[in-house]
């Protein structure tokens, strides 16, 4: 059987080689704003896990969680079925009754930014909490410590902010504000794995941090995400919430790892009720599979090289667009070294063209673009009639809604692809004068 498996995996590598090195034809081959970078080892990892029928969480899941936590220098990582689920679990864990007086309760406020992705905000509302929206800066597309401090009120209990397109928000200063005011900090690191702020990896400043492994992100497991923390009490809550809300911590297929499975007395249940079926939280089933984790283990070995490629592509894009009129180019937040998720462009008010004009032209050249997610989220139908508070003006978030887009810098892009994008933008801007 081992020989047959070795033969199959060798054929998988052969198949992968046959799919590589497709020729890039400018204007014909799509230049996507986001894309997955997979090699033969990734394909083999997926097929091997499938051959072993590792359909539920198993050894690859445990290895990935251990290795990913070690990458950040954190105590615990819990893999989930998506980054959105990771955000839901992270914030929901802060509402746990086991936290006593520090738990978040309905009506408590959580500071976040208006210009972002909904899944950073939705868990706040889903838990009966109140989002407090602040604006961001143009150029970095992140908020500032001053804006966050101004938003702290008597009912503020937490801060939950995402690093914008790989560019860190001033997380050291905001973590200091959280500590000074006794607030939890949830660091949404879904777009910024491998980024640094003040010499530290993003994702290491908050009480909890979240990541996404959707194909567009820095590493992928297909779908998938993760919640990480150095706080073992919070890690335990996250695990319970992810695994149906049950008190038991046995892995799937395992029993009685605590050696007292039939010796618990919790709630008003009879003594000795099966611990595998005692539930201490209103939880979910948000686990990932071993097949996803097997891909994650393979991808994680190349995380640093992916970050190097993203930085190089971003720099080449910046140099190619440095003199183009009518566009505000992005910049790193002070004291930061981003592992860029995308290259953001804002069309300036005095430009002789619009964001829509630029989008249309790039589409005609097979160059994909994306908006900066939801722009000003308070303007979306989903948030109409919802309770929230706004501190200050959201003027920049409105500018982003109307005038901002981004193009890709992911590792699958070649120099020729980057040059095609920058050359097309220069041509478009010159013709619009």
Protein backbone atom coordinates (compact mmCIF):
# COMPACT_ATOMS: atom_id res chain seq x y z
CA UNK A 1 0.00 0.00 0.00
CA UNK A 2 2.87 2.39 0.80
CA UNK A 3 4.38 1.75 -2.61
CA UNK A 4 1.06 2.49 -4.29
CA UNK A 5 0.71 5.72 -2.30
CA UNK A 6 4.26 6.76 -3.25
CA UNK A 7 3.43 6.11 -6.91
CA UNK A 8 0.24 8.18 -6.73
CA UNK A 9 2.01 11.11 -5.09
CA UNK A 10 4.79 10.99 -7.68
CA UNK A 11 2.14 11.22 -10.40
CA UNK A 12 0.62 14.19 -8.56
CA UNK A 13 3.96 16.00 -8.75
CA UNK A 14 4.19 15.14 -12.44
CA UNK A 15 0.69 16.51 -12.99
CA UNK A 16 1.59 19.71 -11.16
CA UNK A 17 4.65 20.31 -13.33
CA UNK A 18 2.46 19.99 -16.42
CA UNK A 19 0.27 22.86 -15.22
CA UNK A 20 3.12 25.33 -14.56
CA UNK A 21 4.79 28.03 -16.65
CA UNK A 22 1.80 29.33 -18.58
CA UNK A 23 2.82 32.22 -20.85
CA UNK A 24 1.76 35.72 -19.82
CA UNK A 25 0.12 37.68 -22.65
CA UNK A 26 -0.42 41.36 -21.70
CA UNK A 27 -4.03 42.38 -22.08
CA UNK A 28 -5.17 38.78 -22.47
CA UNK A 29 -3.91 36.88 -19.43
CA UNK A 30 -5.84 38.14 -16.39
CA UNK A 31 -3.80 39.98 -13.76
CA UNK A 32 -5.87 39.28 -10.68
CA UNK A 33 -5.82 41.58 -7.64
CA UNK A 34 -5.53 38.55 -5.36
CA UNK A 35 -4.45 35.01 -5.98
CA UNK A 36 -3.25 31.83 -4.41
CA UNK A 37 0.35 30.61 -4.79
CA UNK A 38 0.51 26.82 -4.75
CA UNK A 39 3.40 24.48 -5.53
CA UNK A 40 3.80 20.74 -5.96
CA UNK A 41 4.23 20.20 -2.22
CA UNK A 42 0.86 21.85 -1.60
CA UNK A 43 -0.85 19.63 -4.14
CA UNK A 44 0.80 16.53 -2.67
CA UNK A 45 -0.21 17.57 0.87
CA UNK A 46 -3.84 17.84 -0.16
CA UNK A 47 -3.88 14.54 -2.02
CA UNK A 48 -2.03 12.68 0.72
CA UNK A 49 -4.51 13.86 3.35
CA UNK A 50 -7.35 12.79 1.05
CA UNK A 51 -5.79 9.37 0.47
CA UNK A 52 -5.57 8.91 4.24
CA UNK A 53 -9.24 9.98 4.52
CA UNK A 54 -8.38 12.55 7.18
CA UNK A 55 -11.73 14.27 6.84
CA UNK A 56 -12.13 15.72 10.35
CA UNK A 57 -9.62 17.65 12.45
CA UNK A 58 -6.66 15.39 13.21
CA UNK A 59 -2.85 15.26 13.27
CA UNK A 60 -2.36 17.91 10.58
CA UNK A 61 -4.69 20.27 12.44
CA UNK A 62 -2.76 19.85 15.68
CA UNK A 63 0.56 20.31 13.90
CA UNK A 64 -0.61 23.41 12.07
CA UNK A 65 -1.98 24.99 15.24
CA UNK A 66 1.28 24.27 17.09
CA UNK A 67 3.51 25.58 14.29
CA UNK A 68 1.38 28.66 13.65
CA UNK A 69 1.32 29.61 17.33
CA UNK A 70 5.11 29.14 17.44
CA UNK A 71 5.54 31.45 14.44
CA UNK A 72 3.95 34.27 16.44
CA UNK A 73 5.44 33.27 19.78
CA UNK A 74 1.94 32.83 21.23
CA UNK A 75 0.64 30.10 23.51
CA UNK A 76 -2.36 28.81 21.61
CA UNK A 77 -3.85 28.74 18.10
CA UNK A 78 -7.25 27.34 17.24
CA UNK A 79 -7.95 26.69 13.57
CA UNK A 80 -11.42 27.56 12.27
CA UNK A 81 -13.39 27.14 9.07
CA UNK A 82 -12.89 30.80 8.04
CA UNK A 83 -11.42 34.12 9.09
CA UNK A 84 -14.94 35.42 9.60
CA UNK A 85 -15.57 32.61 12.08
CA UNK A 86 -12.29 33.47 13.78
CA UNK A 87 -13.50 37.03 14.31
CA UNK A 88 -16.83 35.80 15.64
CA UNK A 89 -15.13 33.42 18.07
CA UNK A 90 -12.58 35.98 19.26
CA UNK A 91 -15.12 38.64 20.16
CA UNK A 92 -17.72 36.20 21.45
CA UNK A 93 -15.15 34.72 23.83
CA UNK A 94 -15.00 38.10 25.58
CA UNK A 95 -18.70 37.76 26.48
CA UNK A 96 -18.09 34.50 28.40
CA UNK A 97 -19.57 34.26 31.89
CA UNK A 98 -16.28 32.74 33.03
CA UNK A 99 -14.63 36.18 32.74
CA UNK A 100 -16.72 37.53 35.59
CA UNK A 101 -16.86 41.32 35.81
CA UNK A 102 -14.59 41.70 32.79
CA UNK A 103 -17.03 40.04 30.42
CA UNK A 104 -18.63 42.11 27.68
CA UNK A 105 -22.35 42.53 28.12
CA UNK A 106 -25.10 43.68 25.73
CA UNK A 107 -24.90 47.43 25.25
CA UNK A 108 -21.16 47.64 25.89
CA UNK A 109 -19.17 49.48 23.23
CA UNK A 110 -16.39 48.23 20.96
CA UNK A 111 -14.27 50.72 19.03
CA UNK A 112 -13.64 49.90 15.37
CA UNK A 113 -13.14 51.66 12.04
CA UNK A 114 -15.80 52.58 9.50
CA UNK A 115 -13.66 51.78 6.43
CA UNK A 116 -13.11 48.07 6.46
CA UNK A 117 -14.53 44.61 5.96
CA UNK A 118 -17.88 43.70 7.54
CA UNK A 119 -16.65 40.65 9.43
CA UNK A 120 -14.59 42.84 11.75
CA UNK A 121 -17.77 44.70 12.70
CA UNK A 122 -20.50 42.08 12.47
CA UNK A 123 -19.48 40.08 15.60
CA UNK A 124 -19.91 43.27 17.64
CA UNK A 125 -23.53 43.59 16.55
CA UNK A 126 -24.17 39.84 16.64
CA UNK A 127 -23.22 39.82 20.33
CA UNK A 128 -25.56 42.68 21.19
CA UNK A 129 -22.68 45.14 21.55
CA UNK A 130 -22.43 48.63 20.09
CA UNK A 131 -19.80 49.49 17.44
CA UNK A 132 -18.14 52.87 17.84
CA UNK A 133 -16.86 53.96 14.44
CA UNK A 134 -13.81 56.15 13.88
CA UNK A 135 -12.27 57.41 10.66
CA UNK A 136 -8.99 56.41 8.99
CA UNK A 137 -6.17 58.28 7.29
CA UNK A 138 -5.85 58.45 3.53
CA UNK A 139 -2.57 56.94 2.39
CA UNK A 140 -2.18 54.44 5.24
CA UNK A 141 -5.93 53.61 5.33
CA UNK A 142 -5.61 52.97 9.07
CA UNK A 143 -6.96 54.87 12.02
CA UNK A 144 -4.80 56.70 14.55
CA UNK A 145 -4.28 56.34 18.27
CA UNK A 146 -5.70 59.84 18.75
CA UNK A 147 -8.98 58.88 17.08
CA UNK A 148 -9.27 55.73 19.17
CA UNK A 149 -8.54 57.58 22.41
CA UNK A 150 -11.20 60.18 21.59
CA UNK A 151 -13.73 57.36 21.15
CA UNK A 152 -13.24 55.83 24.60
CA UNK A 153 -16.36 56.36 26.68
CA UNK A 154 -17.88 55.07 29.93
CA UNK A 155 -19.33 51.97 28.22
CA UNK A 156 -16.27 51.16 26.08
CA UNK A 157 -14.98 47.69 26.88
CA UNK A 158 -12.97 46.62 23.83
CA UNK A 159 -11.22 47.64 20.62
CA UNK A 160 -11.42 45.49 17.47
CA UNK A 161 -9.57 46.77 14.40
CA UNK A 162 -8.10 45.17 11.28
CA UNK A 163 -4.71 46.00 9.81
CA UNK A 164 -5.57 47.58 6.45
CA UNK A 165 -4.40 45.55 3.44
CA UNK A 166 -1.31 44.36 5.28
CA UNK A 167 -0.41 47.84 6.53
CA UNK A 168 -0.38 47.81 10.34
CA UNK A 169 -2.47 50.26 12.28
CA UNK A 170 -0.48 51.91 15.13
CA UNK A 171 -1.11 48.85 17.23
CA UNK A 172 1.55 49.49 19.89
CA UNK A 173 0.01 52.85 20.80
CA UNK A 174 -3.53 51.48 20.63
CA UNK A 175 -2.56 48.50 22.78
CA UNK A 176 -1.22 51.00 25.33
CA UNK A 177 -4.57 52.83 25.29
CA UNK A 178 -6.35 49.52 25.83
CA UNK A 179 -4.12 48.66 28.77
CA UNK A 180 -4.51 52.10 30.34
CA UNK A 181 -8.31 51.96 30.16
CA UNK A 182 -8.76 48.27 30.95
CA UNK A 183 -10.05 47.41 27.48
CA UNK A 184 -9.67 44.19 25.53
CA UNK A 185 -7.87 44.46 22.18
CA UNK A 186 -8.81 42.11 19.35
CA UNK A 187 -6.29 42.37 16.52
CA UNK A 188 -7.78 41.39 13.16
CA UNK A 189 -4.64 40.23 11.38
CA UNK A 190 -6.43 38.56 8.48
CA UNK A 191 -4.76 40.73 5.81
CA UNK A 192 -1.40 41.22 7.52
CA UNK A 193 0.23 37.92 8.49
CA UNK A 194 3.98 38.54 8.41
CA UNK A 195 3.74 42.32 8.81
CA UNK A 196 5.78 44.10 11.50
CA UNK A 197 5.14 47.13 13.68
CA UNK A 198 7.91 48.52 15.88
CA UNK A 199 9.92 45.36 15.21
CA UNK A 200 7.15 42.97 16.34
CA UNK A 201 4.88 40.80 14.25
CA UNK A 202 1.36 42.10 13.95
CA UNK A 203 -0.91 39.70 15.76
CA UNK A 204 1.22 39.74 18.91
CA UNK A 205 -0.13 42.91 20.50
CA UNK A 206 -3.76 42.04 21.25
CA UNK A 207 -5.47 39.89 23.82
CA UNK A 208 -6.68 37.87 20.84
CA UNK A 209 -5.68 37.89 17.21
CA UNK A 210 -7.39 36.46 14.15
CA UNK A 211 -6.23 35.34 10.72
CA UNK A 212 -7.82 34.17 7.49
CA UNK A 213 -6.61 31.50 5.10
CA UNK A 214 -8.97 32.28 2.25
CA UNK A 215 -7.09 31.90 -1.08
CA UNK A 216 -6.50 35.64 -1.36
CA UNK A 217 -4.56 35.79 1.90
CA UNK A 218 -0.91 35.40 2.81
CA UNK A 219 -1.19 31.63 3.16
CA UNK A 220 -4.19 29.52 2.28
CA UNK A 221 -6.02 26.42 3.41
CA UNK A 222 -8.77 26.98 0.83
CA UNK A 223 -11.27 28.25 3.34
CA UNK A 224 -10.04 28.61 6.91
CA UNK A 225 -8.94 30.88 9.70
CA UNK A 226 -7.40 30.91 13.16
CA UNK A 227 -7.71 32.52 16.59
CA UNK A 228 -4.48 32.99 18.54
CA UNK A 229 -3.71 34.19 22.05
CA UNK A 230 -1.15 34.02 24.80
CA UNK A 231 -3.97 33.93 27.38
CA UNK A 232 -4.79 30.31 28.21
CA UNK A 233 -8.14 31.20 29.80
CA UNK A 234 -9.29 32.94 26.61
CA UNK A 235 -7.91 30.08 24.51
CA UNK A 236 -10.04 27.62 26.47
CA UNK A 237 -13.16 29.71 25.87
CA UNK A 238 -12.41 29.98 22.15
CA UNK A 239 -11.99 26.22 21.90
CA UNK A 240 -15.28 25.58 23.68
CA UNK A 241 -17.15 28.06 21.49
CA UNK A 242 -15.65 26.57 18.32
CA UNK A 243 -16.47 22.99 19.40
CA UNK A 244 -20.25 23.21 19.99
CA UNK A 245 -19.83 24.99 23.35
CA UNK A 246 -18.93 21.75 25.10
CA UNK A 247 -16.75 21.61 28.20
CA UNK A 248 -14.79 18.58 26.98
CA UNK A 249 -11.42 19.16 25.28
CA UNK A 250 -10.90 15.70 23.72
CA UNK A 251 -9.89 15.73 20.07
CA UNK A 252 -12.32 14.14 17.57
CA UNK A 253 -12.23 10.38 17.96
CA UNK A 254 -10.62 10.56 21.41
CA UNK A 255 -12.23 9.82 24.77
CA UNK A 256 -11.41 10.43 28.42
CA UNK A 257 -8.15 12.35 28.00
CA UNK A 258 -8.95 13.98 31.38
CA UNK A 259 -9.27 10.52 33.02
CA UNK A 260 -12.49 11.64 34.71
CA UNK A 261 -15.04 11.56 31.89
CA UNK A 262 -17.76 10.18 34.17
CA UNK A 263 -16.77 12.03 37.34
CA UNK A 264 -17.94 15.61 36.68
CA UNK A 265 -20.76 17.55 38.26
CA UNK A 266 -21.56 20.76 36.35
CA UNK A 267 -24.73 22.81 36.22
CA UNK A 268 -27.65 20.88 37.66
CA UNK A 269 -26.73 17.69 35.81
CA UNK A 270 -26.37 14.50 37.82
CA UNK A 271 -22.89 13.60 39.00
CA UNK A 272 -21.07 11.50 36.43
CA UNK A 273 -22.91 12.82 33.37
CA UNK A 274 -20.76 12.15 30.27
CA UNK A 275 -18.30 15.04 30.04
CA UNK A 276 -18.28 14.79 26.24
CA UNK A 277 -21.85 16.06 26.33
CA UNK A 278 -21.68 18.78 28.96
CA UNK A 279 -22.04 22.26 27.44
CA UNK A 280 -20.80 25.38 29.21
CA UNK A 281 -21.21 27.94 26.38
CA UNK A 282 -23.66 28.66 23.59
CA UNK A 283 -21.25 27.51 20.92
CA UNK A 284 -20.97 26.58 17.27
CA UNK A 285 -19.24 24.00 15.11
CA UNK A 286 -16.61 26.14 13.38
CA UNK A 287 -13.78 23.62 13.11
CA UNK A 288 -11.64 23.11 10.02
CA UNK A 289 -10.70 19.75 8.49
CA UNK A 290 -7.40 17.92 8.41
CA UNK A 291 -7.30 18.27 4.62
CA UNK A 292 -7.34 22.06 5.03
CA UNK A 293 -4.72 21.88 7.77
CA UNK A 294 -2.44 19.68 5.64
CA UNK A 295 -2.37 22.43 3.03
CA UNK A 296 -1.72 24.97 5.78
CA UNK A 297 1.27 23.04 7.09
CA UNK A 298 2.78 23.07 3.60
CA UNK A 299 1.99 26.74 2.98
CA UNK A 300 3.39 27.86 6.32
CA UNK A 301 6.90 26.78 5.31
CA UNK A 302 6.86 29.51 2.63
CA UNK A 303 5.21 32.32 4.59
CA UNK A 304 8.39 34.38 4.81
CA UNK A 305 9.16 33.99 1.10
CA UNK A 306 5.59 35.02 0.28
CA UNK A 307 6.07 38.17 2.36
CA UNK A 308 9.34 38.93 0.59
CA UNK A 309 7.59 38.64 -2.79
CA UNK A 310 4.71 40.87 -1.68
CA UNK A 311 7.12 43.56 -0.49
CA UNK A 312 9.12 43.39 -3.72
CA UNK A 313 6.00 43.57 -5.90
CA UNK A 314 4.65 46.51 -3.90
CA UNK A 315 7.95 48.38 -4.24
CA UNK A 316 8.09 47.75 -7.99
CA UNK A 317 4.51 49.00 -8.29
CA UNK A 318 5.32 52.10 -6.24
CA UNK A 319 8.36 52.96 -8.33
CA UNK A 320 6.37 52.44 -11.54
CA UNK A 321 3.64 54.84 -10.42
CA UNK A 322 5.67 57.41 -8.48
CA UNK A 323 5.24 60.23 -11.00
CA UNK A 324 1.67 59.56 -12.15
CA UNK A 325 -0.51 62.66 -11.60
CA UNK A 326 -3.97 62.46 -10.12
CA UNK A 327 -3.30 59.51 -7.81
CA UNK A 328 -2.54 59.30 -4.10
CA UNK A 329 -0.12 56.42 -3.60
CA UNK A 330 -0.14 54.34 -0.41
CA UNK A 331 2.43 54.62 2.36
CA UNK A 332 3.38 52.42 5.29
CA UNK A 333 2.22 53.43 8.73
CA UNK A 334 5.07 54.92 10.75
CA UNK A 335 7.37 52.30 12.36
CA UNK A 336 5.88 49.55 10.19
CA UNK A 337 7.14 46.99 7.68
CA UNK A 338 4.02 45.70 5.94
CA UNK A 339 3.62 42.39 4.18
CA UNK A 340 1.32 44.07 1.70
CA UNK A 341 -2.01 42.56 0.75
CA UNK A 342 -2.63 45.03 -2.08
CA UNK A 343 -1.59 48.35 -3.61
CA UNK A 344 -4.14 51.06 -2.84
CA UNK A 345 -4.84 54.00 -5.16
CA UNK A 346 -7.07 56.98 -4.38
CA UNK A 347 -8.04 59.25 -7.25
CA UNK A 348 -7.40 62.84 -6.16
CA UNK A 349 -10.12 65.52 -6.37
CA UNK A 350 -8.28 67.47 -9.09
CA UNK A 351 -7.62 64.43 -11.29
CA UNK A 352 -8.99 64.68 -14.87
CA UNK A 353 -10.47 61.19 -14.48
CA UNK A 354 -12.57 59.26 -11.97
CA UNK A 355 -12.06 56.05 -10.10
CA UNK A 356 -14.70 54.44 -12.28
CA UNK A 357 -12.85 55.59 -15.44
CA UNK A 358 -9.64 54.02 -14.16
CA UNK A 359 -11.40 50.78 -13.17
CA UNK A 360 -12.97 50.48 -16.61
CA UNK A 361 -9.69 51.07 -18.42
CA UNK A 362 -7.84 48.50 -16.32
CA UNK A 363 -10.62 45.97 -16.89
CA UNK A 364 -10.17 46.48 -20.65
CA UNK A 365 -6.52 45.45 -20.15
CA UNK A 366 -7.52 42.30 -18.17
CA UNK A 367 -6.29 43.91 -14.95
CA UNK A 368 -8.51 43.16 -11.99
CA UNK A 369 -9.25 45.71 -9.28
CA UNK A 370 -11.05 45.70 -5.96
CA UNK A 371 -12.63 48.38 -3.83
CA UNK A 372 -11.24 48.98 -0.36
CA UNK A 373 -13.83 46.51 0.90
CA UNK A 374 -16.97 48.21 2.17
CA UNK A 375 -15.74 51.79 2.16
CA UNK A 376 -17.81 53.55 4.82
CA UNK A 377 -19.70 50.62 6.31
CA UNK A 378 -22.23 52.87 8.05
CA UNK A 379 -23.68 53.64 4.60
CA UNK A 380 -24.48 50.01 3.75
CA UNK A 381 -28.02 48.58 3.96
CA UNK A 382 -26.93 45.99 6.52
CA UNK A 383 -26.17 48.69 9.10
CA UNK A 384 -29.19 50.90 8.55
CA UNK A 385 -31.29 50.92 11.71
CA UNK A 386 -28.52 49.31 13.76
CA UNK A 387 -27.31 50.91 16.95
CA UNK A 388 -23.85 52.42 16.63
CA UNK A 389 -21.93 55.53 17.60
CA UNK A 390 -19.70 57.68 15.40
CA UNK A 391 -16.87 59.74 16.89
CA UNK A 392 -15.64 62.55 14.68
CA UNK A 393 -16.27 62.90 10.98
CA UNK A 394 -16.02 59.94 8.61
CA UNK A 395 -14.83 62.17 5.77
CA UNK A 396 -11.92 59.98 4.72
CA UNK A 397 -14.08 56.87 4.84
CA UNK A 398 -16.43 58.64 2.44
CA UNK A 399 -13.52 59.52 0.13
CA UNK A 400 -12.54 55.84 0.13
CA UNK A 401 -16.12 54.89 -0.73
CA UNK A 402 -16.09 57.11 -3.80
CA UNK A 403 -12.51 57.30 -5.01
CA UNK A 404 -10.38 54.34 -3.85
CA UNK A 405 -9.44 51.01 -5.41
CA UNK A 406 -6.55 48.57 -5.20
CA UNK A 407 -4.57 46.24 -7.44
CA UNK A 408 -2.63 43.13 -6.60
CA UNK A 409 0.89 42.51 -5.35
CA UNK A 410 0.52 38.82 -4.45
CA UNK A 411 3.41 36.37 -4.97
CA UNK A 412 2.00 34.82 -8.15
CA UNK A 413 2.48 38.09 -10.04
CA UNK A 414 5.59 38.35 -12.19
CA UNK A 415 7.64 41.45 -12.96
CA UNK A 416 6.04 41.48 -16.40
CA UNK A 417 2.59 41.53 -14.84
CA UNK A 418 3.48 44.35 -12.46
CA UNK A 419 4.97 46.34 -15.33
CA UNK A 420 1.83 45.74 -17.39
CA UNK A 421 -0.27 47.22 -14.56
CA UNK A 422 1.94 50.26 -14.00
CA UNK A 423 2.40 50.87 -17.72
CA UNK A 424 -1.35 50.73 -18.28
CA UNK A 425 -2.03 53.20 -15.45
CA UNK A 426 0.61 55.61 -16.76
CA UNK A 427 -0.85 55.39 -20.25
CA UNK A 428 -4.36 55.99 -18.96
CA UNK A 429 -3.36 59.00 -16.83
CA UNK A 430 -1.41 60.55 -19.71
CA UNK A 431 -4.33 60.20 -22.11
CA UNK A 432 -6.74 61.78 -19.61
CA UNK A 433 -4.90 65.12 -19.37
